């Protein structure tokens, strides 16, 4: 079974992409899990990781994972990275691919303004976008499969077919 993580800053289209994955997927069974509790604490993050490592009954789509998102949001919004000196790819050994939702900056700004955001997100959106761009490049250099998705130009159904085929390699 495959595990994919859908990442990107607020307004990048993560929820929309995951909703599209559910459409027309009667032939495959998968579970979507949203990383909750912000800011995360280490105990919650590790419990989540253990559950993901041992879940092999179906494909998983993770709507963010603390080991990525908090490395972007934590230093910018709280001035703290709770994962400190842990390797960048820590917690990603069982992940088949990371989908990086990354439409153009103007679209992210427009979407973020439409929806209520956590305190500090709108004021720091450019830094969050840059932080995600940076961490995705660094993850690729570590050998993590990162698949970029721009919902303004990509067909979501075709994209998911591609993701599942890549995730099974």
C-alpha atoms as a PDB file:
ATOM      1  CA  UNK A   1       0.000   0.000   0.000  1.00  0.00           C
ATOM      2  CA  UNK A   2       1.140   3.557  -0.687  1.00  0.00           C
ATOM      3  CA  UNK A   3       1.319   6.589   1.581  1.00  0.00           C
ATOM      4  CA  UNK A   4       1.360  10.063   0.081  1.00  0.00           C
ATOM      5  CA  UNK A   5       1.567  13.355   1.947  1.00  0.00           C
ATOM      6  CA  UNK A   6      -0.156  16.434   0.542  1.00  0.00           C
ATOM      7  CA  UNK A   7       1.712  19.569   1.617  1.00  0.00           C
ATOM      8  CA  UNK A   8       1.721  23.275   0.894  1.00  0.00           C
ATOM      9  CA  UNK A   9       0.929  26.482   2.684  1.00  0.00           C
ATOM     10  CA  UNK A  10      -2.572  27.697   3.432  1.00  0.00           C
ATOM     11  CA  UNK A  11      -4.431  28.550   0.221  1.00  0.00           C
ATOM     12  CA  UNK A  12      -2.367  26.234  -1.987  1.00  0.00           C
ATOM     13  CA  UNK A  13      -5.208  23.823  -2.858  1.00  0.00           C
ATOM     14  CA  UNK A  14      -4.469  20.812  -0.613  1.00  0.00           C
ATOM     15  CA  UNK A  15      -8.073  20.207   0.416  1.00  0.00           C
ATOM     16  CA  UNK A  16      -9.336  20.685  -3.130  1.00  0.00           C
ATOM     17  CA  UNK A  17      -6.793  18.192  -4.463  1.00  0.00           C
ATOM     18  CA  UNK A  18      -7.729  15.616  -1.813  1.00  0.00           C
ATOM     19  CA  UNK A  19     -11.432  16.073  -2.563  1.00  0.00           C
ATOM     20  CA  UNK A  20     -10.684  15.408  -6.248  1.00  0.00           C
ATOM     21  CA  UNK A  21      -8.881  12.213  -5.260  1.00  0.00           C
ATOM     22  CA  UNK A  22     -12.091  10.899  -3.758  1.00  0.00           C
ATOM     23  CA  UNK A  23     -14.037  11.480  -6.977  1.00  0.00           C
ATOM     24  CA  UNK A  24     -14.213   8.391  -9.135  1.00  0.00           C
ATOM     25  CA  UNK A  25     -12.077   6.289  -6.785  1.00  0.00           C
ATOM     26  CA  UNK A  26     -14.590   3.529  -6.090  1.00  0.00           C
ATOM     27  CA  UNK A  27     -12.140   0.951  -7.409  1.00  0.00           C
ATOM     28  CA  UNK A  28      -9.534   1.822  -4.786  1.00  0.00           C
ATOM     29  CA  UNK A  29      -9.942   2.282  -1.084  1.00  0.00           C
ATOM     30  CA  UNK A  30      -7.866   4.848   0.676  1.00  0.00           C
ATOM     31  CA  UNK A  31      -8.017   6.858   3.851  1.00  0.00           C
ATOM     32  CA  UNK A  32      -7.403  10.576   4.241  1.00  0.00           C
ATOM     33  CA  UNK A  33      -5.859  11.678   7.524  1.00  0.00           C
ATOM     34  CA  UNK A  34      -5.497  15.325   8.479  1.00  0.00           C
ATOM     35  CA  UNK A  35      -2.654  16.349  10.752  1.00  0.00           C
ATOM     36  CA  UNK A  36      -4.455  18.065  13.584  1.00  0.00           C
ATOM     37  CA  UNK A  37      -3.431  20.003  16.628  1.00  0.00           C
ATOM     38  CA  UNK A  38      -1.438  23.109  15.969  1.00  0.00           C
ATOM     39  CA  UNK A  39       1.054  23.728  17.261  1.00  0.00           C
ATOM     40  CA  UNK A  40       1.912  20.047  17.476  1.00  0.00           C
ATOM     41  CA  UNK A  41       3.646  18.572  20.443  1.00  0.00           C
ATOM     42  CA  UNK A  42       6.294  15.896  20.046  1.00  0.00           C
ATOM     43  CA  UNK A  43       4.181  13.174  21.639  1.00  0.00           C
ATOM     44  CA  UNK A  44       1.279  13.735  19.212  1.00  0.00           C
ATOM     45  CA  UNK A  45       3.630  13.910  16.217  1.00  0.00           C
ATOM     46  CA  UNK A  46       5.330  10.639  17.157  1.00  0.00           C
ATOM     47  CA  UNK A  47       2.024   8.846  17.833  1.00  0.00           C
ATOM     48  CA  UNK A  48       0.833   9.955  14.400  1.00  0.00           C
ATOM     49  CA  UNK A  49       4.054   8.695  12.831  1.00  0.00           C
ATOM     50  CA  UNK A  50       3.738   5.287  14.526  1.00  0.00           C
ATOM     51  CA  UNK A  51       0.172   4.908  13.292  1.00  0.00           C
ATOM     52  CA  UNK A  52       1.248   5.754   9.717  1.00  0.00           C
ATOM     53  CA  UNK A  53       4.181   3.303   9.852  1.00  0.00           C
ATOM     54  CA  UNK A  54       1.920   0.416  10.844  1.00  0.00           C
ATOM     55  CA  UNK A  55      -1.065   1.174   8.617  1.00  0.00           C
ATOM     56  CA  UNK A  56      -0.834  -1.195   5.685  1.00  0.00           C
ATOM     57  CA  UNK A  57      -4.462  -2.144   5.062  1.00  0.00           C
ATOM     58  CA  UNK A  58      -5.125   0.625   2.542  1.00  0.00           C
ATOM     59  CA  UNK A  59      -3.536   3.528   0.742  1.00  0.00           C
ATOM     60  CA  UNK A  60      -3.145   6.655   2.841  1.00  0.00           C
ATOM     61  CA  UNK A  61      -3.423  10.284   1.819  1.00  0.00           C
ATOM     62  CA  UNK A  62      -2.036  12.462   4.597  1.00  0.00           C
ATOM     63  CA  UNK A  63      -3.239  16.061   4.638  1.00  0.00           C
ATOM     64  CA  UNK A  64       0.050  17.470   5.917  1.00  0.00           C
ATOM     65  CA  UNK A  65       2.470  15.825   8.278  1.00  0.00           C
ATOM     66  CA  UNK A  66       3.997  17.654  11.231  1.00  0.00           C
ATOM     67  CA  UNK A  67       7.511  16.652  10.281  1.00  0.00           C
ATOM     68  CA  UNK A  68       7.224  18.868   7.196  1.00  0.00           C
ATOM     69  CA  UNK A  69       4.637  21.549   7.933  1.00  0.00           C
ATOM     70  CA  UNK A  70       5.913  22.504  11.364  1.00  0.00           C
ATOM     71  CA  UNK A  71       9.421  22.999   9.977  1.00  0.00           C
ATOM     72  CA  UNK A  72       7.911  25.778   7.853  1.00  0.00           C
ATOM     73  CA  UNK A  73       5.218  27.210  10.132  1.00  0.00           C
ATOM     74  CA  UNK A  74       7.026  26.816  13.466  1.00  0.00           C
ATOM     75  CA  UNK A  75      10.037  29.069  12.863  1.00  0.00           C
ATOM     76  CA  UNK A  76       7.953  31.706  11.076  1.00  0.00           C
ATOM     77  CA  UNK A  77       4.873  31.885  13.307  1.00  0.00           C
ATOM     78  CA  UNK A  78       6.226  30.733  16.684  1.00  0.00           C
ATOM     79  CA  UNK A  79       9.966  31.324  16.205  1.00  0.00           C
ATOM     80  CA  UNK A  80      10.494  27.671  17.142  1.00  0.00           C
ATOM     81  CA  UNK A  81      11.048  24.397  15.267  1.00  0.00           C
ATOM     82  CA  UNK A  82       9.985  21.653  17.684  1.00  0.00           C
ATOM     83  CA  UNK A  83      11.877  19.058  15.644  1.00  0.00           C
ATOM     84  CA  UNK A  84      15.170  20.841  16.209  1.00  0.00           C
ATOM     85  CA  UNK A  85      18.133  18.804  15.061  1.00  0.00           C
ATOM     86  CA  UNK A  86      16.201  15.814  13.710  1.00  0.00           C
ATOM     87  CA  UNK A  87      17.114  14.975  10.106  1.00  0.00           C
ATOM     88  CA  UNK A  88      14.957  16.767   7.543  1.00  0.00           C
ATOM     89  CA  UNK A  89      13.623  13.490   6.153  1.00  0.00           C
ATOM     90  CA  UNK A  90      12.816  12.098   9.623  1.00  0.00           C
ATOM     91  CA  UNK A  91       9.408  10.465   9.602  1.00  0.00           C
ATOM     92  CA  UNK A  92       9.277  10.166   5.838  1.00  0.00           C
ATOM     93  CA  UNK A  93      10.842   6.731   5.398  1.00  0.00           C
ATOM     94  CA  UNK A  94       7.454   5.067   4.851  1.00  0.00           C
ATOM     95  CA  UNK A  95       6.094   7.839   2.616  1.00  0.00           C
ATOM     96  CA  UNK A  96       5.902   6.974  -1.089  1.00  0.00           C
ATOM     97  CA  UNK A  97       5.681  10.583  -2.245  1.00  0.00           C
ATOM     98  CA  UNK A  98       5.124  14.140  -1.045  1.00  0.00           C
ATOM     99  CA  UNK A  99       2.718  16.131  -3.184  1.00  0.00           C
ATOM    100  CA  UNK A 100       3.651  19.796  -3.026  1.00  0.00           C
ATOM    101  CA  UNK A 101       0.630  21.940  -3.843  1.00  0.00           C
ATOM    102  CA  UNK A 102       2.157  25.050  -5.377  1.00  0.00           C
ATOM    103  CA  UNK A 103       0.020  27.305  -7.548  1.00  0.00           C
ATOM    104  CA  UNK A 104       1.293  30.810  -8.407  1.00  0.00           C
ATOM    105  CA  UNK A 105       1.893  33.156  -5.443  1.00  0.00           C
ATOM    106  CA  UNK A 106      -1.021  35.438  -6.432  1.00  0.00           C
ATOM    107  CA  UNK A 107      -3.463  32.502  -6.305  1.00  0.00           C
ATOM    108  CA  UNK A 108      -2.214  31.431  -2.875  1.00  0.00           C
ATOM    109  CA  UNK A 109      -2.668  34.996  -1.581  1.00  0.00           C
ATOM    110  CA  UNK A 110      -6.169  35.238  -3.062  1.00  0.00           C
ATOM    111  CA  UNK A 111      -7.245  31.897  -1.572  1.00  0.00           C
ATOM    112  CA  UNK A 112      -5.714  32.618   1.832  1.00  0.00           C
ATOM    113  CA  UNK A 113      -7.615  35.907   2.073  1.00  0.00           C
ATOM    114  CA  UNK A 114     -10.918  34.122   1.295  1.00  0.00           C
ATOM    115  CA  UNK A 115     -10.689  31.696   4.205  1.00  0.00           C
ATOM    116  CA  UNK A 116     -10.078  32.242   7.890  1.00  0.00           C
ATOM    117  CA  UNK A 117      -6.441  31.562   8.679  1.00  0.00           C
ATOM    118  CA  UNK A 118      -4.460  30.867  11.800  1.00  0.00           C
ATOM    119  CA  UNK A 119      -3.061  33.996  13.420  1.00  0.00           C
ATOM    120  CA  UNK A 120      -0.037  35.358  11.581  1.00  0.00           C
ATOM    121  CA  UNK A 121      -0.521  33.414   8.341  1.00  0.00           C
ATOM    122  CA  UNK A 122      -1.676  36.306   6.162  1.00  0.00           C
ATOM    123  CA  UNK A 123       1.036  38.628   7.473  1.00  0.00           C
ATOM    124  CA  UNK A 124       3.717  36.013   6.783  1.00  0.00           C
ATOM    125  CA  UNK A 125       2.378  34.333   3.661  1.00  0.00           C
ATOM    126  CA  UNK A 126       5.349  35.214   1.436  1.00  0.00           C
ATOM    127  CA  UNK A 127       7.749  33.801   4.032  1.00  0.00           C
ATOM    128  CA  UNK A 128       5.636  30.631   4.321  1.00  0.00           C
ATOM    129  CA  UNK A 129       5.630  30.173   0.541  1.00  0.00           C
ATOM    130  CA  UNK A 130       9.414  30.662   0.428  1.00  0.00           C
ATOM    131  CA  UNK A 131       9.815  28.288   3.384  1.00  0.00           C
ATOM    132  CA  UNK A 132       7.863  25.563   1.598  1.00  0.00           C
ATOM    133  CA  UNK A 133       9.799  26.104  -1.642  1.00  0.00           C
ATOM    134  CA  UNK A 134      13.035  25.718   0.317  1.00  0.00           C
ATOM    135  CA  UNK A 135      12.044  22.643   2.299  1.00  0.00           C
ATOM    136  CA  UNK A 136      10.750  20.860  -0.811  1.00  0.00           C
ATOM    137  CA  UNK A 137      14.064  21.443  -2.612  1.00  0.00           C
ATOM    138  CA  UNK A 138      15.938  20.154   0.432  1.00  0.00           C
ATOM    139  CA  UNK A 139      13.708  17.065   0.659  1.00  0.00           C
ATOM    140  CA  UNK A 140      14.370  16.273  -2.993  1.00  0.00           C
ATOM    141  CA  UNK A 141      18.101  16.526  -2.339  1.00  0.00           C
ATOM    142  CA  UNK A 142      17.617  13.973   0.467  1.00  0.00           C
ATOM    143  CA  UNK A 143      15.998  11.585  -2.003  1.00  0.00           C
ATOM    144  CA  UNK A 144      12.362  12.123  -1.028  1.00  0.00           C
ATOM    145  CA  UNK A 145      10.040  11.925  -4.037  1.00  0.00           C
ATOM    146  CA  UNK A 146       8.372  15.350  -4.284  1.00  0.00           C
ATOM    147  CA  UNK A 147       5.665  15.793  -6.920  1.00  0.00           C
ATOM    148  CA  UNK A 148       4.648  19.398  -7.561  1.00  0.00           C
ATOM    149  CA  UNK A 149       0.962  20.158  -8.241  1.00  0.00           C
ATOM    150  CA  UNK A 150      -0.537  23.401  -9.548  1.00  0.00           C
ATOM    151  CA  UNK A 151      -4.314  23.091  -9.584  1.00  0.00           C
ATOM    152  CA  UNK A 152      -4.637  26.089 -11.909  1.00  0.00           C
ATOM    153  CA  UNK A 153      -3.197  24.097 -14.787  1.00  0.00           C
ATOM    154  CA  UNK A 154      -3.238  20.412 -13.869  1.00  0.00           C
ATOM    155  CA  UNK A 155      -6.104  17.951 -14.288  1.00  0.00           C
ATOM    156  CA  UNK A 156      -6.672  16.535 -10.797  1.00  0.00           C
ATOM    157  CA  UNK A 157      -7.956  13.118 -11.894  1.00  0.00           C
ATOM    158  CA  UNK A 158      -5.054  12.580 -14.293  1.00  0.00           C
ATOM    159  CA  UNK A 159      -2.701  13.861 -11.615  1.00  0.00           C
ATOM    160  CA  UNK A 160      -3.946  11.288  -9.083  1.00  0.00           C
ATOM    161  CA  UNK A 161      -3.561   8.466 -11.609  1.00  0.00           C
ATOM    162  CA  UNK A 162       0.034   9.593 -12.053  1.00  0.00           C
ATOM    163  CA  UNK A 163       0.606   9.862  -8.277  1.00  0.00           C
ATOM    164  CA  UNK A 164      -0.686   6.337  -7.583  1.00  0.00           C
ATOM    165  CA  UNK A 165       1.406   4.894 -10.392  1.00  0.00           C
ATOM    166  CA  UNK A 166       4.521   6.674  -9.098  1.00  0.00           C
ATOM    167  CA  UNK A 167       3.794   5.795  -5.472  1.00  0.00           C
ATOM    168  CA  UNK A 168       3.698   2.081  -6.294  1.00  0.00           C
ATOM    169  CA  UNK A 169       7.220   2.104  -7.851  1.00  0.00           C
END
